[in-house]
Amino acid sequence: MSGLLLRKCLLLAAEFGAVLLLRGPEGAWIPVLLAVFVIGAGVPHGTGAEFVARTALALVAVGVVVAAGAALDRHTLHDRGREEQAVVTSRTMVKDGAGLSPSLRLRTDAGRDLPGPLASDLPVGARLTVTADPDGPAWTPGGRPARPLWQTAATAALLALQTAALSWYSFRKSRY
């Protein structure tokens, strides 16, 4: 039982840290999610979990981080986000899988540069409404978002699945 609690606490700490590292649109997504995947795959060490089970548990851990990060940003914007006017300061064309698409940089009327590009087709100087967290990096185009009910429900469901799977692997007889 103590091994299960230690494994679950380690995984929750890694997931929580990853959510905090990925706040806002310019987080280091690839290395952080790769680290969560590696930790998620290593957590069931010493249990009867085999390759497929370890991979599934690691993918669920990555899903928890993505869902919780989306829920945290939307919850923050819903609770304390402020609607502001922003202006397009630069427009570049970036290559994606289908060809070239526009990427915009925005600045609010208060002079704050919003982190991360916006994939939209507006000319330089165009104005739009954004909702921004006055104390953090989170922002979204448009008005204040609704409560993040589906993101929160997805996070809770993934955490329940993860806890059940980790418990099952921990209580099975080890093959090693």
Protein backbone atom coordinates (compact mmCIF):
# COMPACT_ATOMS: atom_id res chain seq x y z
CA MET A 1 0.00 0.00 0.00
CA SER A 2 2.82 2.42 0.79
CA GLY A 3 4.36 1.71 -2.63
CA LEU A 4 1.07 2.64 -4.30
CA LEU A 5 0.85 5.92 -2.37
CA LEU A 6 4.45 6.78 -3.18
CA ARG A 7 3.94 6.02 -6.89
CA LYS A 8 0.72 8.03 -7.06
CA CYS A 9 2.22 11.02 -5.19
CA LEU A 10 5.25 11.03 -7.49
CA LEU A 11 3.06 10.99 -10.57
CA LEU A 12 0.74 13.70 -9.22
CA ALA A 13 3.73 15.91 -8.35
CA ALA A 14 5.15 15.50 -11.86
CA GLU A 15 1.77 16.26 -13.43
CA PHE A 16 1.21 19.33 -11.22
CA GLY A 17 4.69 20.67 -11.99
CA ALA A 18 4.11 20.14 -15.71
CA VAL A 19 0.80 22.02 -15.61
CA LEU A 20 2.54 24.99 -13.99
CA LEU A 21 5.38 24.89 -16.54
CA LEU A 22 2.95 24.87 -19.45
CA ARG A 23 0.87 27.89 -18.41
CA GLY A 24 0.16 30.20 -21.31
CA PRO A 25 0.61 29.61 -25.02
CA GLU A 26 4.43 29.66 -25.12
CA GLY A 27 5.18 26.76 -22.78
CA ALA A 28 7.89 24.22 -23.64
CA TRP A 29 5.31 21.59 -24.60
CA ILE A 30 7.48 18.88 -26.17
CA PRO A 31 10.16 18.46 -23.46
CA VAL A 32 7.69 18.81 -20.58
CA LEU A 33 5.21 16.29 -21.99
CA LEU A 34 8.07 13.92 -22.88
CA ALA A 35 9.29 14.12 -19.27
CA VAL A 36 5.77 13.38 -18.00
CA PHE A 37 5.56 10.43 -20.40
CA VAL A 38 8.87 9.02 -19.12
CA ILE A 39 7.86 9.47 -15.47
CA GLY A 40 4.42 7.99 -16.16
CA ALA A 41 5.99 4.95 -17.82
CA GLY A 42 8.49 4.49 -14.97
CA VAL A 43 6.05 4.84 -12.08
CA PRO A 44 4.77 1.24 -12.20
CA HIS A 45 8.35 -0.13 -11.87
CA GLY A 46 8.34 -3.20 -9.65
CA THR A 47 4.73 -4.07 -10.47
CA GLY A 48 3.35 -6.54 -12.96
CA ALA A 49 2.84 -3.81 -15.57
CA GLU A 50 4.25 -4.70 -18.97
CA PHE A 51 5.12 -2.50 -21.94
CA VAL A 52 1.57 -1.84 -23.16
CA ALA A 53 0.32 -1.08 -19.65
CA ARG A 54 3.24 1.26 -18.94
CA THR A 55 2.69 3.06 -22.24
CA ALA A 56 -1.05 3.41 -21.56
CA LEU A 57 -0.37 4.78 -18.07
CA ALA A 58 2.16 7.25 -19.51
CA LEU A 59 -0.33 8.42 -22.17
CA VAL A 60 -2.98 8.93 -19.49
CA ALA A 61 -0.46 11.02 -17.51
CA VAL A 62 0.13 13.21 -20.58
CA GLY A 63 -3.66 13.49 -21.03
CA VAL A 64 -4.03 14.60 -17.40
CA VAL A 65 -1.45 17.36 -17.93
CA VAL A 66 -3.05 18.63 -21.15
CA ALA A 67 -6.61 18.58 -19.73
CA ALA A 68 -5.58 20.13 -16.40
CA GLY A 69 -3.56 22.84 -18.15
CA ALA A 70 -6.52 23.78 -20.35
CA ALA A 71 -8.84 23.75 -17.33
CA LEU A 72 -6.48 25.93 -15.28
CA ASP A 73 -6.07 28.56 -18.00
CA ARG A 74 -9.80 28.70 -18.78
CA HIS A 75 -10.72 28.79 -15.08
CA THR A 76 -8.26 31.64 -14.51
CA LEU A 77 -9.65 33.60 -17.46
CA HIS A 78 -13.24 32.93 -16.38
CA ASP A 79 -12.62 34.09 -12.80
CA ARG A 80 -10.25 37.02 -13.18
CA GLY A 81 -9.71 37.62 -16.87
CA ARG A 82 -10.22 41.14 -18.18
CA GLU A 83 -11.59 41.93 -21.60
CA GLU A 84 -9.24 44.30 -23.43
CA GLN A 85 -8.75 45.65 -26.92
CA ALA A 86 -5.64 44.43 -28.71
CA VAL A 87 -4.00 45.43 -31.96
CA VAL A 88 -2.13 43.22 -34.42
CA THR A 89 1.52 44.35 -34.28
CA SER A 90 3.02 41.90 -36.75
CA ARG A 91 1.89 39.30 -39.23
CA THR A 92 4.08 36.52 -40.58
CA MET A 93 3.41 33.46 -42.66
CA VAL A 94 4.49 30.14 -41.16
CA LYS A 95 4.65 26.71 -42.76
CA ASP A 96 2.34 24.06 -41.42
CA GLY A 97 1.41 20.66 -42.80
CA ALA A 98 -0.93 22.12 -45.43
CA GLY A 99 1.15 25.07 -46.63
CA LEU A 100 1.49 28.63 -45.36
CA SER A 101 -0.77 30.09 -42.69
CA PRO A 102 -0.75 33.50 -40.97
CA SER A 103 0.66 33.96 -37.47
CA LEU A 104 -0.09 37.19 -35.58
CA ARG A 105 1.50 38.97 -32.61
CA LEU A 106 -0.77 41.13 -30.45
CA ARG A 107 -0.35 44.07 -28.06
CA THR A 108 -3.09 45.32 -25.75
CA ASP A 109 -4.05 48.98 -25.48
CA ALA A 110 -2.31 48.95 -22.07
CA GLY A 111 0.97 48.14 -23.87
CA ARG A 112 1.27 44.48 -22.86
CA ASP A 113 2.60 42.11 -25.53
CA LEU A 114 0.55 38.93 -25.44
CA PRO A 115 2.69 35.76 -25.44
CA GLY A 116 2.40 33.30 -28.27
CA PRO A 117 1.21 33.72 -31.82
CA LEU A 118 -2.42 33.76 -32.88
CA ALA A 119 -3.33 31.73 -35.97
CA SER A 120 -5.75 34.10 -37.62
CA ASP A 121 -5.91 36.04 -40.87
CA LEU A 122 -6.04 39.72 -39.88
CA PRO A 123 -3.98 42.62 -41.24
CA VAL A 124 -1.42 44.55 -39.16
CA GLY A 125 -3.24 47.29 -37.25
CA ALA A 126 -6.50 45.33 -36.95
CA ARG A 127 -8.20 45.51 -33.56
CA LEU A 128 -9.84 42.64 -31.71
CA THR A 129 -11.15 41.85 -28.24
CA VAL A 130 -9.10 39.51 -26.04
CA THR A 131 -9.51 38.29 -22.48
CA ALA A 132 -6.22 38.31 -20.56
CA ASP A 133 -5.14 37.30 -17.07
CA PRO A 134 -3.74 40.50 -15.51
CA ASP A 135 -1.32 38.50 -13.34
CA GLY A 136 -0.22 35.71 -15.68
CA PRO A 137 0.42 34.58 -19.24
CA ALA A 138 -3.05 33.17 -20.02
CA TRP A 139 -5.16 34.91 -22.65
CA THR A 140 -7.70 34.04 -25.31
CA PRO A 141 -9.24 35.88 -28.25
CA GLY A 142 -12.80 37.02 -27.69
CA GLY A 143 -14.78 37.60 -24.54
CA ARG A 144 -14.54 35.95 -21.15
CA PRO A 145 -14.82 32.15 -21.54
CA ALA A 146 -17.44 30.04 -19.80
CA ARG A 147 -16.56 27.81 -16.86
CA PRO A 148 -14.24 24.98 -17.98
CA LEU A 149 -16.68 22.18 -17.18
CA TRP A 150 -15.62 19.64 -19.83
CA GLN A 151 -11.88 20.24 -19.20
CA THR A 152 -12.39 19.75 -15.47
CA ALA A 153 -14.51 16.63 -16.04
CA ALA A 154 -11.89 15.22 -18.44
CA THR A 155 -9.13 15.84 -15.88
CA ALA A 156 -11.13 14.14 -13.12
CA ALA A 157 -11.98 11.15 -15.34
CA LEU A 158 -8.35 10.70 -16.40
CA LEU A 159 -7.15 10.96 -12.78
CA ALA A 160 -9.70 8.33 -11.72
CA LEU A 161 -8.63 6.02 -14.56
CA GLN A 162 -4.97 6.56 -13.69
CA THR A 163 -5.56 5.83 -9.99
CA ALA A 164 -7.54 2.68 -10.77
CA ALA A 165 -4.92 1.37 -13.22
CA LEU A 166 -2.01 2.15 -10.92
CA SER A 167 -3.82 0.50 -7.99
CA TRP A 168 -4.55 -2.59 -10.05
CA TYR A 169 -0.91 -2.90 -11.19
CA SER A 170 0.39 -2.27 -7.67
CA PHE A 171 -1.77 -4.96 -6.07
CA ARG A 172 -1.07 -7.61 -8.74
CA LYS A 173 1.70 -10.05 -8.07
CA SER A 174 4.97 -8.85 -9.53
CA ARG A 175 6.54 -11.05 -12.21
CA TYR A 176 10.05 -9.87 -11.36
